[in-house]
Amino acid sequence: NTALMYTGRLRATSLVPGMFLGFASYFATFFGGFGYHAGSVWAAW
């Protein structure tokens, strides 16, 4: 999370709330069993 926050200092990824929306969306997808291959970390991403 510290690395993610520092990544927000880069111009291309300066929208830190957007990164957190993606962050939370990934956890909900993976732990919710969504994706074309449930349980796969890569399919969830």
PDB file of all heavy atoms in Angstrom:
ATOM      1  N   ASN A   1       0.835  -1.199   0.000  1.00  0.00           N
ATOM      2  CA  ASN A   1       0.000   0.000   0.000  1.00  0.00           C
ATOM      3  C   ASN A   1       0.874   1.255   0.000  1.00  0.00           C
ATOM      4  O   ASN A   1       0.550   2.248  -0.658  1.00  0.00           O
ATOM      5  CB  ASN A   1      -0.947   0.007   1.199  1.00  0.00           C
ATOM      6  CG  ASN A   1      -1.998   1.080   1.065  1.00  0.00           C
ATOM      7  OD1 ASN A   1      -2.899   0.956   0.250  1.00  0.00           O
ATOM      8  ND2 ASN A   1      -1.872   2.131   1.845  1.00  0.00           N
ATOM      9  N   THR A   2       1.983   1.212   0.716  1.00  0.00           N
ATOM     10  CA  THR A   2       2.921   2.334   0.705  1.00  0.00           C
ATOM     11  C   THR A   2       3.455   2.548  -0.713  1.00  0.00           C
ATOM     12  O   THR A   2       3.521   3.683  -1.201  1.00  0.00           O
ATOM     13  CB  THR A   2       4.081   2.089   1.693  1.00  0.00           C
ATOM     14  OG1 THR A   2       3.532   1.912   2.997  1.00  0.00           O
ATOM     15  CG2 THR A   2       5.064   3.239   1.695  1.00  0.00           C
ATOM     16  N   ALA A   3       3.793   1.470  -1.387  1.00  0.00           N
ATOM     17  CA  ALA A   3       4.272   1.566  -2.771  1.00  0.00           C
ATOM     18  C   ALA A   3       3.175   2.132  -3.679  1.00  0.00           C
ATOM     19  O   ALA A   3       3.460   2.971  -4.545  1.00  0.00           O
ATOM     20  CB  ALA A   3       4.730   0.205  -3.275  1.00  0.00           C
ATOM     21  N   LEU A   4       1.941   1.704  -3.478  1.00  0.00           N
ATOM     22  CA  LEU A   4       0.825   2.228  -4.263  1.00  0.00           C
ATOM     23  C   LEU A   4       0.699   3.731  -4.057  1.00  0.00           C
ATOM     24  O   LEU A   4       0.538   4.493  -5.015  1.00  0.00           O
ATOM     25  CB  LEU A   4      -0.482   1.541  -3.867  1.00  0.00           C
ATOM     26  CG  LEU A   4      -1.737   2.016  -4.600  1.00  0.00           C
ATOM     27  CD1 LEU A   4      -2.657   0.836  -4.869  1.00  0.00           C
ATOM     28  CD2 LEU A   4      -2.487   3.065  -3.808  1.00  0.00           C
ATOM     29  N   MET A   5       0.796   4.175  -2.809  1.00  0.00           N
ATOM     30  CA  MET A   5       0.663   5.606  -2.515  1.00  0.00           C
ATOM     31  C   MET A   5       1.790   6.406  -3.179  1.00  0.00           C
ATOM     32  O   MET A   5       1.553   7.484  -3.712  1.00  0.00           O
ATOM     33  CB  MET A   5       0.655   5.842  -1.006  1.00  0.00           C
ATOM     34  CG  MET A   5      -0.514   5.185  -0.292  1.00  0.00           C
ATOM     35  SD  MET A   5      -2.102   5.881  -0.746  1.00  0.00           S
ATOM     36  CE  MET A   5      -1.984   7.450   0.063  1.00  0.00           C
ATOM     37  N   TYR A   6       3.009   5.870  -3.151  1.00  0.00           N
ATOM     38  CA  TYR A   6       4.116   6.555  -3.820  1.00  0.00           C
ATOM     39  C   TYR A   6       3.931   6.553  -5.336  1.00  0.00           C
ATOM     40  O   TYR A   6       4.341   7.497  -6.015  1.00  0.00           O
ATOM     41  CB  TYR A   6       5.466   5.947  -3.439  1.00  0.00           C
ATOM     42  CG  TYR A   6       6.033   6.549  -2.180  1.00  0.00           C
ATOM     43  CD1 TYR A   6       6.047   5.833  -0.991  1.00  0.00           C
ATOM     44  CD2 TYR A   6       6.555   7.840  -2.179  1.00  0.00           C
ATOM     45  CE1 TYR A   6       6.556   6.391   0.177  1.00  0.00           C
ATOM     46  CE2 TYR A   6       7.068   8.413  -1.027  1.00  0.00           C
ATOM     47  CZ  TYR A   6       7.066   7.682   0.153  1.00  0.00           C
ATOM     48  OH  TYR A   6       7.559   8.247   1.293  1.00  0.00           O
ATOM     49  N   THR A   7       3.314   5.537  -5.874  1.00  0.00           N
ATOM     50  CA  THR A   7       3.030   5.481  -7.308  1.00  0.00           C
ATOM     51  C   THR A   7       2.115   6.629  -7.706  1.00  0.00           C
ATOM     52  O   THR A   7       2.167   7.114  -8.830  1.00  0.00           O
ATOM     53  CB  THR A   7       2.404   4.115  -7.677  1.00  0.00           C
ATOM     54  OG1 THR A   7       3.309   3.088  -7.297  1.00  0.00           O
ATOM     55  CG2 THR A   7       2.108   4.005  -9.158  1.00  0.00           C
ATOM     56  N   GLY A   8       1.286   7.082  -6.769  1.00  0.00           N
ATOM     57  CA  GLY A   8       0.407   8.216  -7.023  1.00  0.00           C
ATOM     58  C   GLY A   8       1.155   9.515  -7.281  1.00  0.00           C
ATOM     59  O   GLY A   8       0.574  10.490  -7.739  1.00  0.00           O
ATOM     60  N   ARG A   9       2.447   9.544  -7.013  1.00  0.00           N
ATOM     61  CA  ARG A   9       3.244  10.747  -7.294  1.00  0.00           C
ATOM     62  C   ARG A   9       3.641  10.846  -8.766  1.00  0.00           C
ATOM     63  O   ARG A   9       4.111  11.880  -9.202  1.00  0.00           O
ATOM     64  CB  ARG A   9       4.497  10.763  -6.421  1.00  0.00           C
ATOM     65  CG  ARG A   9       4.153  10.958  -4.958  1.00  0.00           C
ATOM     66  CD  ARG A   9       5.390  11.058  -4.119  1.00  0.00           C
ATOM     67  NE  ARG A   9       5.025  11.234  -2.725  1.00  0.00           N
ATOM     68  CZ  ARG A   9       5.770  11.873  -1.858  1.00  0.00           C
ATOM     69  NH1 ARG A   9       6.918  12.385  -2.232  1.00  0.00           N
ATOM     70  NH2 ARG A   9       5.387  11.984  -0.606  1.00  0.00           N
ATOM     71  N   LEU A  10       3.461   9.757  -9.491  1.00  0.00           N
ATOM     72  CA  LEU A  10       3.747   9.777 -10.931  1.00  0.00           C
ATOM     73  C   LEU A  10       2.566  10.410 -11.661  1.00  0.00           C
ATOM     74  O   LEU A  10       1.408  10.195 -11.292  1.00  0.00           O
ATOM     75  CB  LEU A  10       3.987   8.362 -11.455  1.00  0.00           C
ATOM     76  CG  LEU A  10       5.115   7.578 -10.788  1.00  0.00           C
ATOM     77  CD1 LEU A  10       5.105   6.136 -11.278  1.00  0.00           C
ATOM     78  CD2 LEU A  10       6.451   8.250 -11.072  1.00  0.00           C
ATOM     79  N   ARG A  11       2.854  11.166 -12.684  1.00  0.00           N
ATOM     80  CA  ARG A  11       1.794  11.859 -13.414  1.00  0.00           C
ATOM     81  C   ARG A  11       0.748  10.884 -13.962  1.00  0.00           C
ATOM     82  O   ARG A  11      -0.451  11.122 -13.847  1.00  0.00           O
ATOM     83  CB  ARG A  11       2.394  12.671 -14.549  1.00  0.00           C
ATOM     84  CG  ARG A  11       1.346  13.369 -15.396  1.00  0.00           C
ATOM     85  CD  ARG A  11       1.998  14.210 -16.439  1.00  0.00           C
ATOM     86  NE  ARG A  11       2.392  15.437 -15.792  1.00  0.00           N
ATOM     87  CZ  ARG A  11       2.093  16.635 -16.237  1.00  0.00           C
ATOM     88  NH1 ARG A  11       1.447  16.752 -17.371  1.00  0.00           N
ATOM     89  NH2 ARG A  11       2.457  17.708 -15.593  1.00  0.00           N
ATOM     90  N   ALA A  12       1.180   9.794 -14.557  1.00  0.00           N
ATOM     91  CA  ALA A  12       0.249   8.860 -15.200  1.00  0.00           C
ATOM     92  C   ALA A  12      -0.695   8.189 -14.210  1.00  0.00           C
ATOM     93  O   ALA A  12      -1.802   7.802 -14.574  1.00  0.00           O
ATOM     94  CB  ALA A  12       1.025   7.795 -15.973  1.00  0.00           C
ATOM     95  N   THR A  13      -0.264   8.064 -12.969  1.00  0.00           N
ATOM     96  CA  THR A  13      -1.085   7.379 -11.968  1.00  0.00           C
ATOM     97  C   THR A  13      -1.393   8.292 -10.781  1.00  0.00           C
ATOM     98  O   THR A  13      -1.536   7.827  -9.662  1.00  0.00           O
ATOM     99  CB  THR A  13      -0.377   6.101 -11.479  1.00  0.00           C
ATOM    100  OG1 THR A  13       0.939   6.445 -11.046  1.00  0.00           O
ATOM    101  CG2 THR A  13      -0.313   5.057 -12.569  1.00  0.00           C
ATOM    102  N   SER A  14      -1.518   9.565 -11.040  1.00  0.00           N
ATOM    103  CA  SER A  14      -1.724  10.525  -9.957  1.00  0.00           C
ATOM    104  C   SER A  14      -3.136  10.496  -9.377  1.00  0.00           C
ATOM    105  O   SER A  14      -3.387  11.125  -8.356  1.00  0.00           O
ATOM    106  CB  SER A  14      -1.395  11.936 -10.442  1.00  0.00           C
ATOM    107  OG  SER A  14      -2.276  12.304 -11.490  1.00  0.00           O
ATOM    108  N   LEU A  15      -4.040   9.782  -9.991  1.00  0.00           N
ATOM    109  CA  LEU A  15      -5.406   9.690  -9.475  1.00  0.00           C
ATOM    110  C   LEU A  15      -5.473   8.566  -8.438  1.00  0.00           C
ATOM    111  O   LEU A  15      -5.933   7.456  -8.705  1.00  0.00           O
ATOM    112  CB  LEU A  15      -6.394   9.452 -10.620  1.00  0.00           C
ATOM    113  CG  LEU A  15      -7.866   9.485 -10.239  1.00  0.00           C
ATOM    114  CD1 LEU A  15      -8.280  10.855  -9.716  1.00  0.00           C
ATOM    115  CD2 LEU A  15      -8.715   9.093 -11.434  1.00  0.00           C
ATOM    116  N   VAL A  16      -4.986   8.860  -7.233  1.00  0.00           N
ATOM    117  CA  VAL A  16      -4.901   7.858  -6.172  1.00  0.00           C
ATOM    118  C   VAL A  16      -6.274   7.266  -5.836  1.00  0.00           C
ATOM    119  O   VAL A  16      -6.393   6.044  -5.675  1.00  0.00           O
ATOM    120  CB  VAL A  16      -4.186   8.426  -4.926  1.00  0.00           C
ATOM    121  CG1 VAL A  16      -4.219   7.448  -3.768  1.00  0.00           C
ATOM    122  CG2 VAL A  16      -2.744   8.796  -5.278  1.00  0.00           C
ATOM    123  N   PRO A  17      -7.357   8.056  -5.729  1.00  0.00           N
ATOM    124  CA  PRO A  17      -8.661   7.425  -5.481  1.00  0.00           C
ATOM    125  C   PRO A  17      -9.032   6.409  -6.566  1.00  0.00           C
ATOM    126  O   PRO A  17      -9.632   5.379  -6.278  1.00  0.00           O
ATOM    127  CB  PRO A  17      -9.636   8.602  -5.457  1.00  0.00           C
ATOM    128  CG  PRO A  17      -8.807   9.768  -5.039  1.00  0.00           C
ATOM    129  CD  PRO A  17      -7.467   9.529  -5.693  1.00  0.00           C
ATOM    130  N   GLY A  18      -8.657   6.687  -7.810  1.00  0.00           N
ATOM    131  CA  GLY A  18      -8.904   5.731  -8.889  1.00  0.00           C
ATOM    132  C   GLY A  18      -8.142   4.434  -8.674  1.00  0.00           C
ATOM    133  O   GLY A  18      -8.650   3.348  -8.934  1.00  0.00           O
ATOM    134  N   MET A  19      -6.894   4.554  -8.180  1.00  0.00           N
ATOM    135  CA  MET A  19      -6.132   3.335  -7.884  1.00  0.00           C
ATOM    136  C   MET A  19      -6.827   2.540  -6.786  1.00  0.00           C
ATOM    137  O   MET A  19      -6.886   1.312  -6.844  1.00  0.00           O
ATOM    138  CB  MET A  19      -4.693   3.673  -7.497  1.00  0.00           C
ATOM    139  CG  MET A  19      -3.840   4.075  -8.688  1.00  0.00           C
ATOM    140  SD  MET A  19      -2.072   4.058  -8.362  1.00  0.00           S
ATOM    141  CE  MET A  19      -1.886   5.425  -7.232  1.00  0.00           C
ATOM    142  N   PHE A  20      -7.361   3.228  -5.783  1.00  0.00           N
ATOM    143  CA  PHE A  20      -8.057   2.510  -4.715  1.00  0.00           C
ATOM    144  C   PHE A  20      -9.368   1.897  -5.178  1.00  0.00           C
ATOM    145  O   PHE A  20      -9.760   0.841  -4.678  1.00  0.00           O
ATOM    146  CB  PHE A  20      -8.249   3.405  -3.484  1.00  0.00           C
ATOM    147  CG  PHE A  20      -7.046   3.397  -2.600  1.00  0.00           C
ATOM    148  CD1 PHE A  20      -6.144   4.447  -2.623  1.00  0.00           C
ATOM    149  CD2 PHE A  20      -6.783   2.314  -1.770  1.00  0.00           C
ATOM    150  CE1 PHE A  20      -5.008   4.426  -1.824  1.00  0.00           C
ATOM    151  CE2 PHE A  20      -5.646   2.288  -0.972  1.00  0.00           C
ATOM    152  CZ  PHE A  20      -4.768   3.341  -0.995  1.00  0.00           C
ATOM    153  N   LEU A  21     -10.032   2.514  -6.146  1.00  0.00           N
ATOM    154  CA  LEU A  21     -11.224   1.882  -6.721  1.00  0.00           C
ATOM    155  C   LEU A  21     -10.835   0.578  -7.418  1.00  0.00           C
ATOM    156  O   LEU A  21     -11.539  -0.433  -7.299  1.00  0.00           O
ATOM    157  CB  LEU A  21     -11.920   2.833  -7.692  1.00  0.00           C
ATOM    158  CG  LEU A  21     -12.586   4.062  -7.071  1.00  0.00           C
ATOM    159  CD1 LEU A  21     -13.116   4.985  -8.159  1.00  0.00           C
ATOM    160  CD2 LEU A  21     -13.688   3.662  -6.115  1.00  0.00           C
ATOM    161  N   GLY A  22      -9.733   0.594  -8.149  1.00  0.00           N
ATOM    162  CA  GLY A  22      -9.245  -0.630  -8.794  1.00  0.00           C
ATOM    163  C   GLY A  22      -8.785  -1.660  -7.775  1.00  0.00           C
ATOM    164  O   GLY A  22      -9.021  -2.863  -7.931  1.00  0.00           O
ATOM    165  N   PHE A  23      -8.120  -1.205  -6.731  1.00  0.00           N
ATOM    166  CA  PHE A  23      -7.627  -2.039  -5.629  1.00  0.00           C
ATOM    167  C   PHE A  23      -8.794  -2.803  -4.995  1.00  0.00           C
ATOM    168  O   PHE A  23      -8.782  -4.033  -4.904  1.00  0.00           O
ATOM    169  CB  PHE A  23      -6.984  -1.077  -4.616  1.00  0.00           C
ATOM    170  CG  PHE A  23      -6.176  -1.655  -3.506  1.00  0.00           C
ATOM    171  CD1 PHE A  23      -4.881  -2.086  -3.718  1.00  0.00           C
ATOM    172  CD2 PHE A  23      -6.674  -1.680  -2.214  1.00  0.00           C
ATOM    173  CE1 PHE A  23      -4.097  -2.556  -2.664  1.00  0.00           C
ATOM    174  CE2 PHE A  23      -5.903  -2.151  -1.157  1.00  0.00           C
ATOM    175  CZ  PHE A  23      -4.611  -2.595  -1.387  1.00  0.00           C
ATOM    176  N   ALA A  24      -9.829  -2.056  -4.601  1.00  0.00           N
ATOM    177  CA  ALA A  24     -10.999  -2.681  -3.972  1.00  0.00           C
ATOM    178  C   ALA A  24     -11.757  -3.574  -4.951  1.00  0.00           C
ATOM    179  O   ALA A  24     -12.247  -4.651  -4.573  1.00  0.00           O
ATOM    180  CB  ALA A  24     -11.924  -1.599  -3.419  1.00  0.00           C
ATOM    181  N   SER A  25     -11.839  -3.144  -6.205  1.00  0.00           N
ATOM    182  CA  SER A  25     -12.542  -3.948  -7.216  1.00  0.00           C
ATOM    183  C   SER A  25     -11.864  -5.296  -7.415  1.00  0.00           C
ATOM    184  O   SER A  25     -12.532  -6.319  -7.596  1.00  0.00           O
ATOM    185  CB  SER A  25     -12.596  -3.199  -8.553  1.00  0.00           C
ATOM    186  OG  SER A  25     -13.405  -2.065  -8.473  1.00  0.00           O
ATOM    187  N   TYR A  26     -10.532  -5.302  -7.379  1.00  0.00           N
ATOM    188  CA  TYR A  26      -9.820  -6.575  -7.549  1.00  0.00           C
ATOM    189  C   TYR A  26     -10.133  -7.527  -6.392  1.00  0.00           C
ATOM    190  O   TYR A  26     -10.448  -8.696  -6.616  1.00  0.00           O
ATOM    191  CB  TYR A  26      -8.301  -6.382  -7.649  1.00  0.00           C
ATOM    192  CG  TYR A  26      -7.621  -7.726  -7.744  1.00  0.00           C
ATOM    193  CD1 TYR A  26      -7.552  -8.392  -8.956  1.00  0.00           C
ATOM    194  CD2 TYR A  26      -7.146  -8.377  -6.613  1.00  0.00           C
ATOM    195  CE1 TYR A  26      -7.000  -9.658  -9.048  1.00  0.00           C
ATOM    196  CE2 TYR A  26      -6.585  -9.643  -6.694  1.00  0.00           C
ATOM    197  CZ  TYR A  26      -6.516 -10.277  -7.911  1.00  0.00           C
ATOM    198  OH  TYR A  26      -5.986 -11.543  -7.994  1.00  0.00           O
ATOM    199  N   PHE A  27     -10.013  -7.031  -5.156  1.00  0.00           N
ATOM    200  CA  PHE A  27     -10.284  -7.903  -4.006  1.00  0.00           C
ATOM    201  C   PHE A  27     -11.702  -8.461  -4.066  1.00  0.00           C
ATOM    202  O   PHE A  27     -11.923  -9.641  -3.805  1.00  0.00           O
ATOM    203  CB  PHE A  27     -10.067  -7.158  -2.684  1.00  0.00           C
ATOM    204  CG  PHE A  27      -8.623  -6.913  -2.355  1.00  0.00           C
ATOM    205  CD1 PHE A  27      -8.193  -5.648  -1.994  1.00  0.00           C
ATOM    206  CD2 PHE A  27      -7.696  -7.937  -2.403  1.00  0.00           C
ATOM    207  CE1 PHE A  27      -6.856  -5.407  -1.679  1.00  0.00           C
ATOM    208  CE2 PHE A  27      -6.356  -7.715  -2.100  1.00  0.00           C
ATOM    209  CZ  PHE A  27      -5.940  -6.447  -1.734  1.00  0.00           C
ATOM    210  N   ALA A  28     -12.672  -7.621  -4.413  1.00  0.00           N
ATOM    211  CA  ALA A  28     -14.060  -8.082  -4.491  1.00  0.00           C
ATOM    212  C   ALA A  28     -14.235  -9.119  -5.604  1.00  0.00           C
ATOM    213  O   ALA A  28     -14.994 -10.075  -5.458  1.00  0.00           O
ATOM    214  CB  ALA A  28     -14.994  -6.901  -4.721  1.00  0.00           C
ATOM    215  N   THR A  29     -13.522  -8.939  -6.698  1.00  0.00           N
ATOM    216  CA  THR A  29     -13.611  -9.900  -7.804  1.00  0.00           C
ATOM    217  C   THR A  29     -12.979 -11.231  -7.423  1.00  0.00           C
ATOM    218  O   THR A  29     -13.585 -12.295  -7.589  1.00  0.00           O
ATOM    219  CB  THR A  29     -12.932  -9.332  -9.069  1.00  0.00           C
ATOM    220  OG1 THR A  29     -13.584  -8.111  -9.418  1.00  0.00           O
ATOM    221  CG2 THR A  29     -13.018 -10.305 -10.232  1.00  0.00           C
ATOM    222  N   PHE A  30     -11.760 -11.173  -6.892  1.00  0.00           N
ATOM    223  CA  PHE A  30     -11.059 -12.405  -6.563  1.00  0.00           C
ATOM    224  C   PHE A  30     -11.745 -13.152  -5.414  1.00  0.00           C
ATOM    225  O   PHE A  30     -12.080 -14.330  -5.545  1.00  0.00           O
ATOM    226  CB  PHE A  30      -9.601 -12.120  -6.200  1.00  0.00           C
ATOM    227  CG  PHE A  30      -8.847 -13.358  -5.798  1.00  0.00           C
ATOM    228  CD1 PHE A  30      -8.517 -14.315  -6.747  1.00  0.00           C
ATOM    229  CD2 PHE A  30      -8.497 -13.583  -4.480  1.00  0.00           C
ATOM    230  CE1 PHE A  30      -7.840 -15.481  -6.389  1.00  0.00           C
ATOM    231  CE2 PHE A  30      -7.825 -14.741  -4.104  1.00  0.00           C
ATOM    232  CZ  PHE A  30      -7.492 -15.689  -5.059  1.00  0.00           C
ATOM    233  N   PHE A  31     -11.966 -12.468  -4.305  1.00  0.00           N
ATOM    234  CA  PHE A  31     -12.543 -13.147  -3.140  1.00  0.00           C
ATOM    235  C   PHE A  31     -14.032 -13.437  -3.312  1.00  0.00           C
ATOM    236  O   PHE A  31     -14.579 -14.298  -2.617  1.00  0.00           O
ATOM    237  CB  PHE A  31     -12.268 -12.354  -1.867  1.00  0.00           C
ATOM    238  CG  PHE A  31     -10.812 -12.366  -1.490  1.00  0.00           C
ATOM    239  CD1 PHE A  31     -10.059 -11.204  -1.550  1.00  0.00           C
ATOM    240  CD2 PHE A  31     -10.182 -13.543  -1.109  1.00  0.00           C
ATOM    241  CE1 PHE A  31      -8.704 -11.211  -1.236  1.00  0.00           C
ATOM    242  CE2 PHE A  31      -8.832 -13.565  -0.790  1.00  0.00           C
ATOM    243  CZ  PHE A  31      -8.094 -12.403  -0.857  1.00  0.00           C
ATOM    244  N   GLY A  32     -14.682 -12.761  -4.261  1.00  0.00           N
ATOM    245  CA  GLY A  32     -16.085 -13.047  -4.566  1.00  0.00           C
ATOM    246  C   GLY A  32     -16.261 -14.199  -5.539  1.00  0.00           C
ATOM    247  O   GLY A  32     -17.376 -14.619  -5.822  1.00  0.00           O
ATOM    248  N   GLY A  33     -15.144 -14.712  -6.058  1.00  0.00           N
ATOM    249  CA  GLY A  33     -15.210 -15.846  -6.980  1.00  0.00           C
ATOM    250  C   GLY A  33     -15.644 -15.477  -8.386  1.00  0.00           C
ATOM    251  O   GLY A  33     -16.112 -16.328  -9.139  1.00  0.00           O
ATOM    252  N   PHE A  34     -15.480 -14.212  -8.768  1.00  0.00           N
ATOM    253  CA  PHE A  34     -15.842 -13.784 -10.117  1.00  0.00           C
ATOM    254  C   PHE A  34     -14.668 -14.015 -11.066  1.00  0.00           C
ATOM    255  O   PHE A  34     -13.540 -14.205 -10.644  1.00  0.00           O
ATOM    256  CB  PHE A  34     -16.199 -12.294 -10.127  1.00  0.00           C
ATOM    257  CG  PHE A  34     -17.507 -11.988  -9.473  1.00  0.00           C
ATOM    258  CD1 PHE A  34     -17.553 -11.666  -8.127  1.00  0.00           C
ATOM    259  CD2 PHE A  34     -18.690 -12.022 -10.188  1.00  0.00           C
ATOM    260  CE1 PHE A  34     -18.755 -11.376  -7.509  1.00  0.00           C
ATOM    261  CE2 PHE A  34     -19.895 -11.730  -9.583  1.00  0.00           C
ATOM    262  CZ  PHE A  34     -19.926 -11.404  -8.233  1.00  0.00           C
ATOM    263  N   GLY A  35     -14.972 -13.963 -12.350  1.00  0.00           N
ATOM    264  CA  GLY A  35     -13.943 -14.090 -13.372  1.00  0.00           C
ATOM    265  C   GLY A  35     -14.151 -15.341 -14.193  1.00  0.00           C
ATOM    266  O   GLY A  35     -14.881 -16.252 -13.800  1.00  0.00           O
ATOM    267  N   TYR A  36     -13.512 -15.368 -15.322  1.00  0.00           N
ATOM    268  CA  TYR A  36     -13.706 -16.493 -16.238  1.00  0.00           C
ATOM    269  C   TYR A  36     -13.121 -17.799 -15.703  1.00  0.00           C
ATOM    270  O   TYR A  36     -13.399 -18.867 -16.226  1.00  0.00           O
ATOM    271  CB  TYR A  36     -13.164 -16.167 -17.630  1.00  0.00           C
ATOM    272  CG  TYR A  36     -11.694 -15.821 -17.683  1.00  0.00           C
ATOM    273  CD1 TYR A  36     -10.736 -16.814 -17.792  1.00  0.00           C
ATOM    274  CD2 TYR A  36     -11.279 -14.497 -17.637  1.00  0.00           C
ATOM    275  CE1 TYR A  36      -9.392 -16.501 -17.841  1.00  0.00           C
ATOM    276  CE2 TYR A  36      -9.937 -14.167 -17.689  1.00  0.00           C
ATOM    277  CZ  TYR A  36      -8.994 -15.175 -17.789  1.00  0.00           C
ATOM    278  OH  TYR A  36      -7.668 -14.860 -17.829  1.00  0.00           O
ATOM    279  N   HIS A  37     -12.326 -17.742 -14.637  1.00  0.00           N
ATOM    280  CA  HIS A  37     -11.817 -18.940 -13.971  1.00  0.00           C
ATOM    281  C   HIS A  37     -11.758 -18.618 -12.472  1.00  0.00           C
ATOM    282  O   HIS A  37     -10.760 -18.095 -11.990  1.00  0.00           O
ATOM    283  CB  HIS A  37     -10.441 -19.319 -14.523  1.00  0.00           C
ATOM    284  CG  HIS A  37      -9.868 -20.567 -13.942  1.00  0.00           C
ATOM    285  ND1 HIS A  37     -10.538 -21.759 -13.950  1.00  0.00           N
ATOM    286  CD2 HIS A  37      -8.690 -20.802 -13.328  1.00  0.00           C
ATOM    287  CE1 HIS A  37      -9.789 -22.678 -13.361  1.00  0.00           C
ATOM    288  NE2 HIS A  37      -8.661 -22.118 -12.972  1.00  0.00           N
ATOM    289  N   ALA A  38     -12.838 -18.897 -11.782  1.00  0.00           N
ATOM    290  CA  ALA A  38     -12.939 -18.554 -10.357  1.00  0.00           C
ATOM    291  C   ALA A  38     -11.745 -19.119  -9.586  1.00  0.00           C
ATOM    292  O   ALA A  38     -11.337 -20.260  -9.798  1.00  0.00           O
ATOM    293  CB  ALA A  38     -14.234 -19.083  -9.777  1.00  0.00           C
ATOM    294  N   GLY A  39     -11.187 -18.295  -8.724  1.00  0.00           N
ATOM    295  CA  GLY A  39     -10.051 -18.715  -7.914  1.00  0.00           C
ATOM    296  C   GLY A  39      -8.702 -18.410  -8.537  1.00  0.00           C
ATOM    297  O   GLY A  39      -7.680 -18.516  -7.863  1.00  0.00           O
ATOM    298  N   SER A  40      -8.678 -18.022  -9.794  1.00  0.00           N
ATOM    299  CA  SER A  40      -7.426 -17.674 -10.465  1.00  0.00           C
ATOM    300  C   SER A  40      -7.132 -16.197 -10.234  1.00  0.00           C
ATOM    301  O   SER A  40      -7.946 -15.334 -10.581  1.00  0.00           O
ATOM    302  CB  SER A  40      -7.516 -17.950 -11.971  1.00  0.00           C
ATOM    303  OG  SER A  40      -6.449 -17.318 -12.655  1.00  0.00           O
ATOM    304  N   VAL A  41      -5.971 -15.898  -9.677  1.00  0.00           N
ATOM    305  CA  VAL A  41      -5.607 -14.499  -9.416  1.00  0.00           C
ATOM    306  C   VAL A  41      -5.503 -13.714 -10.721  1.00  0.00           C
ATOM    307  O   VAL A  41      -5.862 -12.535 -10.773  1.00  0.00           O
ATOM    308  CB  VAL A  41      -4.300 -14.389  -8.603  1.00  0.00           C
ATOM    309  CG1 VAL A  41      -4.486 -14.939  -7.197  1.00  0.00           C
ATOM    310  CG2 VAL A  41      -3.149 -15.065  -9.302  1.00  0.00           C
ATOM    311  N   TRP A  42      -5.020 -14.363 -11.768  1.00  0.00           N
ATOM    312  CA  TRP A  42      -4.830 -13.678 -13.049  1.00  0.00           C
ATOM    313  C   TRP A  42      -6.159 -13.470 -13.768  1.00  0.00           C
ATOM    314  O   TRP A  42      -6.390 -12.414 -14.362  1.00  0.00           O
ATOM    315  CB  TRP A  42      -3.852 -14.451 -13.928  1.00  0.00           C
ATOM    316  CG  TRP A  42      -2.513 -14.530 -13.279  1.00  0.00           C
ATOM    317  CD1 TRP A  42      -1.959 -15.617 -12.650  1.00  0.00           C
ATOM    318  CD2 TRP A  42      -1.572 -13.459 -13.120  1.00  0.00           C
ATOM    319  NE1 TRP A  42      -0.739 -15.291 -12.123  1.00  0.00           N
ATOM    320  CE2 TRP A  42      -0.464 -13.967 -12.397  1.00  0.00           C
ATOM    321  CE3 TRP A  42      -1.557 -12.132 -13.511  1.00  0.00           C
ATOM    322  CZ2 TRP A  42       0.633 -13.189 -12.079  1.00  0.00           C
ATOM    323  CZ3 TRP A  42      -0.454 -11.350 -13.194  1.00  0.00           C
ATOM    324  CH2 TRP A  42       0.628 -11.883 -12.480  1.00  0.00           C
ATOM    325  N   ALA A  43      -7.040 -14.463 -13.737  1.00  0.00           N
ATOM    326  CA  ALA A  43      -8.363 -14.317 -14.361  1.00  0.00           C
ATOM    327  C   ALA A  43      -9.157 -13.218 -13.664  1.00  0.00           C
ATOM    328  O   ALA A  43      -9.868 -12.444 -14.319  1.00  0.00           O
ATOM    329  CB  ALA A  43      -9.124 -15.634 -14.313  1.00  0.00           C
ATOM    330  N   ALA A  44      -9.011 -13.122 -12.348  1.00  0.00           N
ATOM    331  CA  ALA A  44      -9.695 -12.054 -11.612  1.00  0.00           C
ATOM    332  C   ALA A  44      -9.181 -10.688 -12.066  1.00  0.00           C
ATOM    333  O   ALA A  44      -9.965  -9.755 -12.268  1.00  0.00           O
ATOM    334  CB  ALA A  44      -9.501 -12.236 -10.107  1.00  0.00           C
ATOM    335  N   TRP A  45      -7.862 -10.581 -12.255  1.00  0.00           N
ATOM    336  CA  TRP A  45      -7.294  -9.298 -12.668  1.00  0.00           C
ATOM    337  C   TRP A  45      -7.783  -8.902 -14.058  1.00  0.00           C
ATOM    338  O   TRP A  45      -8.228  -7.777 -14.279  1.00  0.00           O
ATOM    339  CB  TRP A  45      -5.759  -9.337 -12.628  1.00  0.00           C
ATOM    340  CG  TRP A  45      -5.158  -7.988 -12.861  1.00  0.00           C
ATOM    341  CD1 TRP A  45      -4.990  -7.000 -11.941  1.00  0.00           C
ATOM    342  CD2 TRP A  45      -4.694  -7.458 -14.103  1.00  0.00           C
ATOM    343  NE1 TRP A  45      -4.436  -5.881 -12.529  1.00  0.00           N
ATOM    344  CE2 TRP A  45      -4.246  -6.141 -13.863  1.00  0.00           C
ATOM    345  CE3 TRP A  45      -4.611  -7.963 -15.388  1.00  0.00           C
ATOM    346  CZ2 TRP A  45      -3.723  -5.328 -14.858  1.00  0.00           C
ATOM    347  CZ3 TRP A  45      -4.087  -7.144 -16.392  1.00  0.00           C
ATOM    348  CH2 TRP A  45      -3.653  -5.855 -16.112  1.00  0.00           C
TER     349      TRP A  45
END
